[in-house]
Amino acid sequence: MTKTLFAEFTARKGAEDEVTRLIREYALKVREEEGNLAFDVYTKTATPRAYWIFEAYRDEDAFRAHLNAPYGAPFNAALTPLIEEDASVLTFLEEIDRA
C-alpha cells in the first residue's frame, strides 16, 4: 500500500532563501529514491514562508528506506534552526477508494 504524507513547516523571517535552497537540493535526492513516487514542494500564496511538501512512497518499506537515507539527517539538522517549528509537522494520508 502506498505511503503518503504531507509535511509542513514555516521558515523563520529572513531564512526563506536558505530554506528554499536546502529543500530544492533535498528534493532532487529524494526524487531519485527507488521507492519515491512524489516529492512536491509548495509555499502558500498568502504566506510564502509556509512550506508544504506532498510525499508519496511505493510502500512502507520504501518510506523506511527514505527515512534511513544518509542525506536525511544532515538535511534536518540544517533545516531545524531555520524554521519556527521544532521539526516538520507530518500528516499521514489515506486515499479514499475510488468509485
C-alpha atoms as a PDB file:
ATOM      1  CA  MET A   1       0.000   0.000   0.000  1.00  0.00           C
ATOM      2  CA  THR A   2       1.296   3.456  -0.903  1.00  0.00           C
ATOM      3  CA  LYS A   3       2.646   5.555   1.982  1.00  0.00           C
ATOM      4  CA  THR A   4       1.502   9.154   1.517  1.00  0.00           C
ATOM      5  CA  LEU A   5       2.071  12.169   3.704  1.00  0.00           C
ATOM      6  CA  PHE A   6       2.014  15.897   3.878  1.00  0.00           C
ATOM      7  CA  ALA A   7       4.884  17.700   5.644  1.00  0.00           C
ATOM      8  CA  GLU A   8       4.744  21.348   6.599  1.00  0.00           C
ATOM      9  CA  PHE A   9       6.927  23.934   8.292  1.00  0.00           C
ATOM     10  CA  THR A  10       7.395  27.694   8.393  1.00  0.00           C
ATOM     11  CA  ALA A  11      10.699  29.385   7.618  1.00  0.00           C
ATOM     12  CA  ARG A  12      11.879  31.966  10.114  1.00  0.00           C
ATOM     13  CA  LYS A  13      11.833  35.541   8.805  1.00  0.00           C
ATOM     14  CA  GLY A  14      14.938  36.117   6.745  1.00  0.00           C
ATOM     15  CA  ALA A  15      15.650  32.389   6.290  1.00  0.00           C
ATOM     16  CA  GLU A  16      13.383  31.834   3.308  1.00  0.00           C
ATOM     17  CA  ASP A  17      16.141  31.804   0.676  1.00  0.00           C
ATOM     18  CA  GLU A  18      18.264  29.320   2.625  1.00  0.00           C
ATOM     19  CA  VAL A  19      15.262  27.077   3.317  1.00  0.00           C
ATOM     20  CA  THR A  20      14.339  27.123  -0.362  1.00  0.00           C
ATOM     21  CA  ARG A  21      17.908  26.232  -1.356  1.00  0.00           C
ATOM     22  CA  LEU A  22      18.016  23.352   1.145  1.00  0.00           C
ATOM     23  CA  ILE A  23      14.634  21.900   0.200  1.00  0.00           C
ATOM     24  CA  ARG A  24      15.404  22.103  -3.532  1.00  0.00           C
ATOM     25  CA  GLU A  25      18.659  20.176  -3.065  1.00  0.00           C
ATOM     26  CA  TYR A  26      16.959  17.644  -0.812  1.00  0.00           C
ATOM     27  CA  ALA A  27      14.043  17.183  -3.217  1.00  0.00           C
ATOM     28  CA  LEU A  28      16.426  16.255  -6.047  1.00  0.00           C
ATOM     29  CA  LYS A  29      17.881  13.446  -3.919  1.00  0.00           C
ATOM     30  CA  VAL A  30      14.527  12.171  -2.635  1.00  0.00           C
ATOM     31  CA  ARG A  31      13.042  12.070  -6.140  1.00  0.00           C
ATOM     32  CA  GLU A  32      15.862   9.709  -7.155  1.00  0.00           C
ATOM     33  CA  GLU A  33      14.964   7.166  -4.463  1.00  0.00           C
ATOM     34  CA  GLU A  34      13.755   3.929  -5.976  1.00  0.00           C
ATOM     35  CA  GLY A  35      10.521   3.875  -3.979  1.00  0.00           C
ATOM     36  CA  ASN A  36       9.649   7.574  -4.218  1.00  0.00           C
ATOM     37  CA  LEU A  37       6.521   8.345  -6.227  1.00  0.00           C
ATOM     38  CA  ALA A  38       6.225  12.078  -5.453  1.00  0.00           C
ATOM     39  CA  PHE A  39       8.044  14.813  -3.570  1.00  0.00           C
ATOM     40  CA  ASP A  40       6.321  18.075  -4.475  1.00  0.00           C
ATOM     41  CA  VAL A  41       7.291  21.278  -2.646  1.00  0.00           C
ATOM     42  CA  TYR A  42       4.992  24.303  -2.349  1.00  0.00           C
ATOM     43  CA  THR A  43       4.738  27.552  -0.467  1.00  0.00           C
ATOM     44  CA  LYS A  44       1.411  29.073   0.484  1.00  0.00           C
ATOM     45  CA  THR A  45       0.489  32.005  -1.742  1.00  0.00           C
ATOM     46  CA  ALA A  46      -0.795  34.054   1.195  1.00  0.00           C
ATOM     47  CA  THR A  47       2.092  33.046   3.482  1.00  0.00           C
ATOM     48  CA  PRO A  48       5.239  32.427   1.406  1.00  0.00           C
ATOM     49  CA  ARG A  49       7.263  31.411   4.475  1.00  0.00           C
ATOM     50  CA  ALA A  50       4.927  28.402   4.932  1.00  0.00           C
ATOM     51  CA  TYR A  51       6.198  25.324   3.072  1.00  0.00           C
ATOM     52  CA  TRP A  52       4.061  22.318   2.186  1.00  0.00           C
ATOM     53  CA  ILE A  53       5.550  19.089   0.860  1.00  0.00           C
ATOM     54  CA  PHE A  54       3.435  16.299  -0.600  1.00  0.00           C
ATOM     55  CA  GLU A  55       5.278  12.971  -0.424  1.00  0.00           C
ATOM     56  CA  ALA A  56       4.337   9.527  -1.686  1.00  0.00           C
ATOM     57  CA  TYR A  57       6.302   6.282  -1.475  1.00  0.00           C
ATOM     58  CA  ARG A  58       5.646   2.907  -3.087  1.00  0.00           C
ATOM     59  CA  ASP A  59       5.038   1.253   0.284  1.00  0.00           C
ATOM     60  CA  GLU A  60       6.111   1.213   3.940  1.00  0.00           C
ATOM     61  CA  ASP A  61       9.490  -0.312   3.073  1.00  0.00           C
ATOM     62  CA  ALA A  62      10.216   2.481   0.582  1.00  0.00           C
ATOM     63  CA  PHE A  63       9.250   5.055   3.204  1.00  0.00           C
ATOM     64  CA  ARG A  64      11.553   3.406   5.768  1.00  0.00           C
ATOM     65  CA  ALA A  65      14.380   3.449   3.204  1.00  0.00           C
ATOM     66  CA  HIS A  66      13.706   7.162   2.715  1.00  0.00           C
ATOM     67  CA  LEU A  67      13.925   7.767   6.466  1.00  0.00           C
ATOM     68  CA  ASN A  68      17.257   5.933   6.581  1.00  0.00           C
ATOM     69  CA  ALA A  69      18.818   7.687   3.579  1.00  0.00           C
ATOM     70  CA  PRO A  70      22.225   9.165   4.505  1.00  0.00           C
ATOM     71  CA  TYR A  71      21.269  12.691   3.414  1.00  0.00           C
ATOM     72  CA  GLY A  72      18.127  12.911   5.576  1.00  0.00           C
ATOM     73  CA  ALA A  73      19.729  13.612   8.963  1.00  0.00           C
ATOM     74  CA  PRO A  74      22.088  16.328   7.621  1.00  0.00           C
ATOM     75  CA  PHE A  75      19.139  17.981   5.845  1.00  0.00           C
ATOM     76  CA  ASN A  76      17.035  18.000   9.011  1.00  0.00           C
ATOM     77  CA  ALA A  77      19.954  19.265  11.104  1.00  0.00           C
ATOM     78  CA  ALA A  78      20.444  22.177   8.688  1.00  0.00           C
ATOM     79  CA  LEU A  79      16.699  22.898   8.421  1.00  0.00           C
ATOM     80  CA  THR A  80      15.743  22.828  12.106  1.00  0.00           C
ATOM     81  CA  PRO A  81      17.338  26.150  13.167  1.00  0.00           C
ATOM     82  CA  LEU A  82      15.801  27.851  10.114  1.00  0.00           C
ATOM     83  CA  ILE A  83      12.152  27.005  10.867  1.00  0.00           C
ATOM     84  CA  GLU A  84       9.670  28.085  13.520  1.00  0.00           C
ATOM     85  CA  GLU A  85       8.564  24.588  14.482  1.00  0.00           C
ATOM     86  CA  ASP A  86      10.735  22.059  16.337  1.00  0.00           C
ATOM     87  CA  ALA A  87      10.602  19.874  13.207  1.00  0.00           C
ATOM     88  CA  SER A  88       8.454  19.371  10.132  1.00  0.00           C
ATOM     89  CA  VAL A  89       4.843  18.626  11.059  1.00  0.00           C
ATOM     90  CA  LEU A  90       3.814  15.380   9.370  1.00  0.00           C
ATOM     91  CA  THR A  91       0.285  14.366   8.438  1.00  0.00           C
ATOM     92  CA  PHE A  92      -0.119  10.841   7.082  1.00  0.00           C
ATOM     93  CA  LEU A  93      -2.843  10.405   4.465  1.00  0.00           C
ATOM     94  CA  GLU A  94      -5.007   7.533   3.280  1.00  0.00           C
ATOM     95  CA  GLU A  95      -6.652   7.588  -0.097  1.00  0.00           C
ATOM     96  CA  ILE A  96     -10.378   7.003  -0.188  1.00  0.00           C
ATOM     97  CA  ASP A  97     -11.214   4.185  -2.571  1.00  0.00           C
ATOM     98  CA  ARG A  98     -12.211   5.468  -5.967  1.00  0.00           C
ATOM     99  CA  ALA A  99     -15.730   4.583  -7.028  1.00  0.00           C
END
